[in-house]
Protein backbone atom coordinates (compact mmCIF):
# COMPACT_ATOMS: atom_id res chain seq x y z
CA MET A 1 11.65 -45.95 30.61
CA GLU A 2 7.62 -45.54 30.01
CA ILE A 3 6.52 -45.27 26.02
CA TYR A 4 5.41 -41.74 26.49
CA HIS A 5 9.17 -40.90 27.47
CA ARG A 6 9.81 -42.53 24.20
CA GLY A 7 7.32 -40.62 22.16
CA ILE A 8 9.29 -37.37 22.74
CA VAL A 9 12.01 -38.78 22.18
CA PHE A 10 10.50 -39.52 18.92
CA TRP A 11 9.13 -36.45 18.10
CA LEU A 12 12.45 -34.80 18.90
CA CYS A 13 14.08 -37.37 15.97
CA ALA A 14 11.36 -35.84 13.24
CA LEU A 15 11.75 -32.68 14.22
CA TRP A 16 15.47 -32.78 13.57
CA SER A 17 14.51 -34.68 10.09
CA LEU A 18 12.99 -31.48 9.03
CA CYS A 19 16.11 -29.47 9.86
CA SER A 20 18.86 -31.45 7.95
CA PHE A 21 19.54 -33.55 5.32
CA ALA A 22 20.01 -37.79 5.84
CA THR A 23 22.88 -39.40 6.48
CA THR A 24 24.48 -42.62 5.82
CA TYR A 25 25.52 -44.89 8.46
CA THR A 26 28.73 -47.11 7.55
CA GLY A 27 30.39 -50.02 9.37
CA ARG A 28 31.54 -53.30 9.77
CA VAL A 29 30.64 -55.93 12.51
CA VAL A 30 32.73 -58.81 13.88
CA ASP A 31 32.74 -61.78 16.26
CA GLU A 32 35.82 -61.67 18.45
CA GLN A 33 37.78 -63.63 16.04
CA GLY A 34 37.57 -60.50 13.48
CA SER A 35 35.82 -63.07 11.30
CA PRO A 36 32.28 -60.67 10.38
CA ILE A 37 28.60 -61.73 10.83
CA VAL A 38 26.73 -61.74 8.12
CA TYR A 39 22.84 -60.63 8.95
CA ALA A 40 23.65 -59.22 12.05
CA THR A 41 20.75 -56.45 12.51
CA VAL A 42 22.12 -52.76 13.05
CA TYR A 43 18.72 -50.24 14.06
CA PRO A 44 18.18 -46.87 16.03
CA GLU A 45 16.47 -48.28 18.46
CA ILE A 46 13.78 -45.03 18.77
CA ALA A 47 12.83 -46.26 14.79
CA PRO A 48 13.83 -49.42 13.96
CA GLU A 49 12.28 -49.82 10.53
CA TRP A 50 15.31 -47.92 9.29
CA GLY A 51 17.89 -50.49 10.01
CA THR A 52 19.52 -52.73 7.96
CA ALA A 53 21.45 -56.32 8.18
CA THR A 54 24.84 -56.91 7.55
CA ASN A 55 26.11 -58.79 4.45
CA SER A 56 28.69 -61.70 3.79
CA ASP A 57 31.06 -59.67 4.69
CA GLY A 58 29.60 -57.73 8.18
CA TYR A 59 28.79 -54.62 6.20
CA PHE A 60 25.90 -52.23 6.89
CA SER A 61 24.79 -49.11 5.85
CA PHE A 62 21.78 -47.32 6.25
CA GLU A 63 20.14 -43.95 6.23
CA ALA A 64 18.86 -42.07 8.68
CA ASN A 65 17.82 -38.42 10.57
CA LEU A 66 19.54 -39.50 14.19
CA LEU A 67 20.51 -36.94 17.06
CA PRO A 68 24.41 -37.42 17.88
CA GLU A 69 23.44 -39.35 21.40
CA MET A 70 20.18 -41.17 19.84
CA LYS A 71 20.90 -44.87 20.60
CA ILE A 72 22.03 -47.98 17.51
CA ILE A 73 21.35 -51.37 18.58
CA ILE A 74 23.33 -54.13 16.61
CA SER A 75 22.45 -57.87 17.45
CA PHE A 76 23.00 -60.94 16.34
CA ILE A 77 22.01 -64.72 17.65
CA GLY A 78 23.90 -66.28 20.33
CA TYR A 79 26.02 -62.72 20.49
CA GLU A 80 25.64 -59.84 23.47
CA LYS A 81 23.37 -57.10 22.19
CA LEU A 82 25.28 -53.84 21.34
CA THR A 83 24.58 -50.42 22.14
CA ILE A 84 26.01 -47.53 20.54
CA GLN A 85 25.08 -44.20 20.59
CA ALA A 86 24.82 -42.69 16.63
CA GLN A 87 27.94 -40.37 16.80
CA ASP A 88 30.20 -43.36 17.69
CA ILE A 89 29.62 -44.17 13.95
CA SER A 90 32.24 -42.39 11.96
CA VAL A 91 30.56 -41.39 8.56
CA PRO A 92 32.50 -39.41 5.08
CA ASN A 93 33.48 -36.18 5.33
CA ASP A 94 32.99 -34.54 2.48
CA THR A 95 35.87 -31.79 2.57
CA VAL A 96 38.37 -34.30 3.53
CA PRO A 97 37.79 -38.26 2.33
CA SER A 98 41.15 -39.47 3.09
CA SER A 99 40.31 -39.51 6.85
CA PHE A 100 37.14 -41.67 6.46
CA GLN A 101 38.31 -44.55 8.25
CA LEU A 102 35.60 -47.22 8.30
CA SER A 103 34.18 -48.21 12.15
CA THR A 104 34.29 -51.88 13.24
CA PHE A 105 32.46 -53.10 16.36
CA THR A 106 32.63 -56.10 17.83
CA LEU A 107 30.16 -58.43 19.08
CA ARG A 108 31.07 -60.88 22.65
CA GLU A 109 29.34 -64.22 21.96
CA GLN A 110 26.81 -65.16 24.76
CA PRO A 111 25.51 -68.78 24.05
CA ILE A 112 22.09 -69.22 23.75
CA ALA A 113 21.28 -71.73 26.39
CA LEU A 114 22.67 -73.55 29.63
CA GLN A 115 24.65 -76.51 28.89
CA GLU A 116 24.58 -77.67 32.50
CA THR A 117 25.64 -80.72 33.76
CA VAL A 118 22.97 -82.15 35.73
CA ILE A 119 23.68 -84.88 38.34
CA ALA A 120 20.81 -87.18 39.93
CA ALA A 121 20.25 -86.79 43.39
CA LYS A 122 21.89 -90.39 45.45
CA ALA A 123 19.36 -92.72 46.94
CA ASN A 124 20.56 -92.19 50.66
CA LYS A 125 18.42 -89.13 52.36
CA GLN A 126 16.45 -88.96 49.52
CA HIS A 127 13.24 -88.01 51.64
CA ASN A 128 15.18 -85.31 53.06
CA LYS A 129 16.48 -84.31 49.45
CA ARG A 130 12.82 -83.86 48.40
CA LYS A 131 11.72 -81.75 51.36
CA GLN A 132 14.07 -79.14 51.05
CA MET A 133 13.55 -78.93 47.00
CA ALA A 134 9.80 -78.32 48.05
CA ALA A 135 11.13 -75.83 50.49
CA LEU A 136 13.09 -74.18 48.42
CA LEU A 137 10.29 -74.78 45.23
CA HIS A 138 7.88 -72.65 47.27
CA ALA A 139 10.19 -69.76 48.12
CA VAL A 140 10.89 -69.11 44.27
CA TYR A 141 7.08 -70.00 44.04
CA VAL A 142 6.18 -66.94 46.50
CA LYS A 143 9.30 -64.63 45.32
CA LEU A 144 7.18 -65.32 40.98
CA GLU A 145 4.04 -64.48 42.98
CA GLU A 146 4.94 -60.98 44.16
CA GLU A 147 7.79 -59.84 41.07
CA PHE A 148 5.55 -61.04 38.35
CA PRO A 149 2.65 -58.01 37.14
CA ASP A 150 -1.05 -58.97 36.98
CA GLU A 151 -2.07 -55.97 35.07
CA ASN A 152 -1.49 -56.16 31.32
CA MET A 153 1.94 -54.84 29.71
CA ARG A 154 2.53 -53.61 26.18
CA TYR A 155 5.89 -54.40 24.35
CA GLN A 156 7.29 -53.09 21.49
CA ILE A 157 9.39 -55.61 19.76
CA VAL A 158 12.07 -56.33 16.67
CA SER A 159 11.76 -60.02 15.98
CA ASP A 160 14.48 -61.61 13.50
CA VAL A 161 14.00 -65.42 12.55
CA ARG A 162 16.60 -66.27 10.52
CA MET A 163 16.52 -69.29 8.17
CA GLN A 164 19.86 -71.10 7.43
CA ASN A 165 21.56 -74.22 5.87
CA GLU A 166 24.48 -75.78 8.43
CA ASN A 167 26.47 -72.29 8.59
CA TYR A 168 25.28 -70.40 5.24
CA THR A 169 22.17 -67.84 6.36
CA TRP A 170 20.70 -67.50 3.23
CA GLY A 171 17.65 -65.31 4.69
CA MET A 172 15.82 -63.42 7.15
CA GLU A 173 12.48 -61.58 8.06
CA GLN A 174 12.83 -58.99 10.79
CA MET A 175 9.02 -58.22 11.55
CA ILE A 176 8.32 -54.88 13.93
CA ALA A 177 5.59 -55.54 16.48
CA ASN A 178 3.31 -54.41 19.63
CA VAL A 179 2.56 -57.12 21.62
CA VAL A 180 -0.17 -57.14 24.50
CA VAL A 181 0.07 -59.39 27.54
CA LEU A 182 -2.45 -60.01 29.68
CA PRO A 183 -1.96 -61.88 32.47
CA GLU A 184 -3.83 -65.25 33.84
CA GLN A 185 -6.37 -64.71 30.46
CA GLY A 186 -4.66 -67.73 28.28
CA TYR A 187 -5.86 -71.26 28.17
CA GLN A 188 -5.35 -72.96 31.59
CA GLY A 189 -4.38 -69.96 32.87
CA ARG A 190 -1.06 -69.21 30.63
CA ASP A 191 -0.60 -65.91 29.97
CA SER A 192 -3.00 -64.72 27.02
CA VAL A 193 -0.36 -63.34 24.14
CA GLN A 194 -1.97 -60.41 21.40
CA PHE A 195 0.68 -59.74 18.13
CA GLN A 196 0.16 -56.92 16.30
CA GLY A 197 2.64 -56.09 13.47
CA ARG A 198 4.10 -52.96 12.39
CA TYR A 199 6.59 -53.37 9.58
CA CYS A 200 8.44 -55.88 7.91
CA LYS A 201 12.21 -56.76 6.43
CA ARG A 202 12.54 -59.59 4.61
CA PHE A 203 16.20 -59.58 3.75
CA PHE A 204 17.73 -61.97 1.26
CA ASN A 205 20.66 -63.18 -0.43
CA ALA A 206 20.08 -62.13 -3.97
CA ARG A 207 20.68 -65.36 -5.77
CA LYS A 208 18.19 -67.42 -3.06
CA ARG A 209 15.92 -64.88 -3.23
CA ALA A 210 15.44 -65.48 -7.25
CA GLN A 211 14.91 -69.08 -6.25
CA ALA A 212 12.59 -68.62 -3.44
CA ASP A 213 10.55 -65.95 -5.62
CA SER A 214 9.28 -68.71 -7.67
CA ILE A 215 7.98 -70.60 -4.60
CA ILE A 216 6.56 -67.87 -2.31
CA ALA A 217 6.34 -64.42 -2.89
CA SER A 218 5.81 -61.73 -0.19
CA ASP A 219 1.81 -61.11 -1.84
CA MET A 220 0.56 -65.59 -1.86
CA LEU A 221 -2.07 -64.22 1.02
CA GLU A 222 -3.22 -61.68 -1.70
CA HIS A 223 -2.54 -63.84 -5.08
CA PHE A 224 -4.54 -66.88 -2.87
CA GLU A 225 -7.66 -64.54 -2.63
CA GLN A 226 -7.91 -64.17 -6.17
CA GLN A 227 -6.96 -67.77 -7.34
CA GLY A 228 -10.11 -68.70 -5.39
CA ALA A 229 -10.96 -71.48 -3.07
CA PRO A 230 -9.91 -74.85 -4.28
CA LYS A 231 -12.32 -77.36 -5.13
CA GLY A 232 -14.76 -78.28 -3.31
CA ALA A 233 -14.07 -75.82 -0.25
CA PRO A 234 -16.38 -73.41 1.38
CA ALA A 235 -15.18 -70.44 -0.21
CA ASN A 236 -16.27 -67.61 2.58
CA MET A 237 -14.40 -70.22 5.25
CA LEU A 238 -11.43 -69.44 3.62
CA ARG A 239 -11.67 -65.96 2.75
CA ARG A 240 -11.98 -65.82 6.94
CA ALA A 241 -9.11 -67.70 7.24
CA VAL A 242 -6.69 -65.38 4.85
CA ASN A 243 -8.17 -62.54 6.43
CA ALA A 244 -7.55 -64.00 10.16
CA VAL A 245 -3.75 -64.80 9.83
CA ASP A 246 -0.90 -62.54 8.33
CA SER A 247 1.71 -64.60 6.40
CA GLY A 248 4.83 -64.63 8.56
CA VAL A 249 3.32 -62.59 11.98
CA VAL A 250 2.15 -66.42 13.21
CA VAL A 251 5.47 -67.11 13.73
CA HIS A 252 7.02 -64.28 15.21
CA ALA A 253 3.69 -64.22 17.75
CA ALA A 254 4.40 -67.89 18.70
CA LEU A 255 7.92 -67.09 19.49
CA PHE A 256 7.55 -64.70 22.11
CA SER A 257 4.44 -66.75 23.64
CA LEU A 258 7.26 -69.82 24.57
CA GLY A 259 9.17 -70.36 27.76
CA ASN A 260 6.02 -69.50 29.77
CA MET A 261 8.03 -69.76 32.97
CA ARG A 262 5.60 -68.68 35.67
CA TYR A 263 2.38 -70.97 34.39
CA ASP A 264 5.25 -73.70 33.86
CA PHE A 265 6.97 -73.39 37.33
CA GLU A 266 3.20 -73.55 38.81
CA GLN A 267 2.18 -76.82 36.94
CA ALA A 268 5.65 -78.36 37.77
CA MET A 269 6.22 -77.34 41.14
CA THR A 270 4.52 -79.90 42.81
CA ASP A 271 6.00 -83.05 41.80
CA THR A 272 9.78 -82.96 43.49
CA ARG A 273 11.14 -86.17 41.60
CA HIS A 274 11.73 -84.07 38.38
CA TRP A 275 13.92 -81.14 40.30
CA ILE A 276 17.41 -80.74 41.28
CA VAL A 277 20.24 -78.10 42.01
CA SER A 278 21.77 -78.76 39.11
CA ASN A 279 24.32 -76.37 39.63
CA GLU A 280 25.56 -73.34 42.65
CA SER A 281 27.89 -70.63 41.98
CA GLU A 282 28.59 -67.01 44.41
CA GLY A 283 24.73 -65.46 44.39
CA GLU A 284 22.90 -67.86 41.73
CA THR A 285 21.63 -71.64 42.45
CA VAL A 286 20.33 -73.01 38.87
CA LEU A 287 16.86 -75.52 39.49
CA THR A 288 16.73 -77.67 36.92
CA HIS A 289 13.55 -79.68 35.77
CA THR A 290 14.00 -82.36 33.59
CA GLN A 291 10.72 -84.11 32.31
CA LYS A 292 9.96 -87.32 29.25
CA VAL A 293 7.02 -87.48 27.05
CA SER A 294 5.97 -90.19 25.57
CA ARG A 295 3.06 -90.40 23.48
CA TYR A 296 0.90 -92.68 20.87
CA LEU A 297 2.99 -95.77 21.40
CA GLY A 298 6.24 -94.30 21.07
CA CYS A 299 5.66 -92.80 17.78
CA PHE A 300 6.24 -88.76 19.38
CA GLN A 301 8.74 -88.78 22.20
CA LEU A 302 9.82 -85.21 24.08
CA THR A 303 12.73 -84.74 26.70
CA PHE A 304 13.20 -81.26 28.22
CA GLN A 305 15.24 -79.92 30.76
CA ARG A 306 14.01 -75.92 32.42
CA HIS A 307 16.65 -74.23 33.69
CA TYR A 308 15.15 -71.28 36.52
CA ILE A 309 18.32 -69.25 37.10
CA VAL A 310 17.38 -67.70 40.99
CA ASP A 311 19.41 -65.33 43.53
CA SER A 312 20.73 -67.64 45.93
CA TYR A 313 19.74 -65.57 48.81
CA THR A 314 16.29 -63.35 47.49
CA TYR A 315 14.81 -66.61 45.17
CA ALA A 316 14.32 -64.11 42.32
CA VAL A 317 14.44 -65.66 39.07
CA ARG A 318 16.96 -64.09 37.08
CA ARG A 319 17.20 -65.96 33.48
CA PHE A 320 15.13 -68.87 32.37
CA SER A 321 16.33 -71.10 29.64
CA GLU A 322 15.07 -74.03 28.76
CA HIS A 323 17.08 -77.47 26.08
CA SER A 324 14.14 -79.81 24.38
CA GLU A 325 14.71 -83.12 22.31
CA PHE A 326 12.18 -84.48 20.07
CA LYS A 327 11.35 -87.23 17.70
CA VAL A 328 8.44 -87.80 15.87
CA ILE A 329 8.31 -91.12 13.51
CA ILE A 330 5.30 -91.10 11.39
CA PRO A 331 4.15 -95.19 10.05
CA PHE A 332 2.78 -94.66 7.12
CA GLY A 333 4.79 -91.11 6.15
CA ILE A 334 3.38 -88.28 4.54
CA LYS A 335 3.08 -86.93 0.98
CA LEU A 336 4.40 -83.37 0.50
CA ASN A 337 4.11 -81.03 -2.25
CA ALA A 338 7.06 -80.22 -4.90
CA GLU A 339 6.04 -76.87 -3.45
CA GLN A 340 5.95 -77.26 0.08
CA ILE A 341 9.41 -79.52 0.05
CA GLN A 342 11.44 -76.33 -1.94
CA LEU A 343 9.99 -74.03 0.97
CA LEU A 344 11.44 -76.47 3.73
CA ASN A 345 14.63 -76.44 1.42
CA LEU A 346 15.94 -74.46 -1.41
CA LEU A 347 20.11 -76.13 -1.30
CA ASN A 348 19.66 -79.74 -0.91
CA MET A 349 17.33 -81.38 -2.86
CA ASP A 350 17.36 -81.97 -6.92
CA GLU A 351 13.27 -82.13 -8.61
CA LYS A 352 13.75 -85.88 -9.07
CA GLN A 353 14.35 -86.04 -4.80
CA ILE A 354 11.39 -83.60 -4.37
CA ASN A 355 8.83 -85.67 -6.25
CA LYS A 356 9.46 -88.08 -4.39
CA PHE A 357 9.67 -87.52 -1.21
CA ARG A 358 7.15 -88.69 1.55
CA MET A 359 7.99 -87.65 5.12
CA LYS A 360 8.29 -90.32 7.59
CA ARG A 361 10.66 -88.96 10.62
CA LEU A 362 11.37 -85.71 12.37
CA HIS A 363 13.71 -85.13 14.71
CA GLY A 364 15.78 -81.87 16.24
CA THR A 365 16.33 -79.42 19.47
CA VAL A 366 15.36 -76.59 20.24
CA ASP A 367 16.80 -74.03 22.85
CA LEU A 368 15.00 -70.91 24.08
CA ASN A 369 16.43 -68.25 26.67
CA THR A 370 14.96 -65.50 28.54
CA ILE A 371 16.24 -63.02 30.26
CA TYR A 372 14.67 -60.30 31.59
CA GLN A 373 14.74 -56.79 33.10
CA ARG A 374 12.91 -55.18 36.37
CA GLN A 375 11.26 -51.94 36.54
CA ASN A 376 9.64 -50.53 39.93
CA ASP A 377 10.44 -54.00 41.31
CA GLN A 378 8.46 -56.04 38.93
CA VAL A 379 10.18 -58.45 36.21
CA TYR A 380 9.45 -57.80 32.66
CA THR A 381 10.49 -59.99 29.41
CA LEU A 382 13.91 -57.95 27.83
CA GLU A 383 15.01 -60.58 25.02
CA LYS A 384 13.95 -64.06 23.87
CA ASN A 385 16.56 -66.23 21.63
CA MET A 386 15.78 -69.38 20.32
CA ILE A 387 18.06 -72.00 18.23
CA CYS A 388 15.81 -74.75 16.30
CA ASP A 389 17.95 -77.36 14.61
CA MET A 390 15.39 -80.40 12.58
CA HIS A 391 15.77 -82.39 10.40
CA ILE A 392 13.62 -84.36 8.51
CA ILE A 393 13.79 -87.82 7.19
CA GLY A 394 11.75 -89.40 3.98
CA ALA A 395 11.68 -92.66 2.17
CA LYS A 396 15.16 -93.93 1.39
CA LYS A 397 17.01 -91.90 3.75
CA ALA A 398 16.17 -88.34 2.15
CA GLU A 399 17.22 -85.64 4.56
CA VAL A 400 15.49 -81.89 5.05
CA PRO A 401 17.40 -79.87 7.49
CA LEU A 402 15.98 -77.11 8.61
CA LEU A 403 17.61 -74.55 10.93
CA PHE A 404 16.60 -71.54 12.50
CA LYS A 405 18.10 -68.80 14.35
CA THR A 406 15.38 -65.97 15.92
CA THR A 407 15.78 -62.99 18.37
CA GLN A 408 13.26 -60.80 19.63
CA ARG A 409 14.55 -58.05 21.49
CA VAL A 410 12.28 -55.28 23.79
CA THR A 411 12.96 -51.94 22.87
CA GLY A 412 9.69 -50.41 24.56
CA LEU A 413 7.47 -51.01 27.48
CA GLU A 414 4.45 -49.92 28.78
CA THR A 415 2.71 -51.05 32.29
CA GLN A 416 -0.13 -48.23 32.93
CA GLY A 417 -3.67 -47.81 31.42
CA VAL A 418 -2.96 -50.84 28.83
CA GLN A 419 -6.01 -51.79 26.89
CA PRO A 420 -6.72 -55.51 25.22
CA LEU A 421 -5.92 -55.22 21.07
CA THR A 422 -9.19 -54.78 18.96
CA ARG A 423 -9.55 -57.52 15.75
CA SER A 424 -8.89 -55.03 13.21
CA GLN A 425 -5.74 -54.22 14.98
CA ILE A 426 -4.38 -57.87 15.20
CA THR A 427 -5.44 -58.57 11.87
CA ARG A 428 -4.22 -55.75 9.41
CA ARG A 429 -1.81 -56.68 7.11
CA VAL A 430 1.47 -56.32 7.99
CA LYS A 431 3.62 -53.56 5.30
CA ARG A 432 6.79 -55.28 4.21
CA GLU A 433 9.70 -54.22 2.20
CA MET A 434 12.20 -56.08 0.34
CA VAL A 435 15.86 -55.98 0.89
CA ASP A 436 18.75 -58.07 -1.65
CA ILE A 437 22.11 -58.70 1.11
CA TYR A 438 25.01 -58.85 -1.89
């Protein structure tokens, strides 16, 4: 749906709000086993800023003025997005309170990345296999050139970044933003991605928020400006740096830039040695590109597998996923200060460990999924998911685990007459709201 259609619905919603009182929408989100899903996001598609996140028991509650048929999105990383109508959520009946039954919604599991079993091609007939692979890659590339538009496009997105310690989610930041993609205008032919944050909510476990508040506040940049530049640093340079970037925005912007599938495919297709058909099913073929990178005498190692799920008959790419494993060895270590370590891990290190911590190694995995949508025979991004499981190893085997789960979903798309964002739009401070989750 074009953006102006959404604008009409928005104004209808605004008119409705003038003529009615806010309704409280309450419910519960669970998985297929009936267990509560914590920090699932629940928001009206037309106004994500009105939404909320589920608490430790899976319950949610938010107020909004919605027409009965307006859509509400329920989502969580690793599960299929659920779209319902506002009328599907039961609301209390003032006249017959006992008739109220809490609405419960079940999310179906959707693994974030393919776990394909990659089987290397046999040595015999290898030359013919490479010729066949080259022809297959060329056919997919031709389809990519045909279906992926070269015009500017603007996305409206809802971007969630969840911070976890093992299986416990203690905080989430949700950014509502506009993203303008300028094809072929980035570095080395990549798409250029411009990011404009519009609104932000930070959901915290109330106890963990009290700990985090002593380390980093939502107005950290303003505080930094008030304190002035560190001794010996050019004040004007630091001020420009503060004004040029908004805390948190860079994380969400970087996520949308990941997985530049079209560019990566073009760069890798010329060398068929790293490609195989890792899976074939009815109507779908999975092309897998595997590569290992080692730098700085082995101190940096990266292995990644990119899976392109294509239609077996048309060669159109339906989905894209990437699994990567990385390892970094720092020979002399890096000394981090107490605030940096506390920010990395609010749970597992005591003050004595923090003061002695020196980062020696870093390893982890990143899984990325991209799902596409089709409009007018062109292909655009619909959803991105990522899980980053990282471990920082210090001296004497002190370890800091970091687990981030992120979801970015497109709620609006504009493809006609899109202009690049201005510098003031990109660098404008984003309004933030802190929300405690009990």
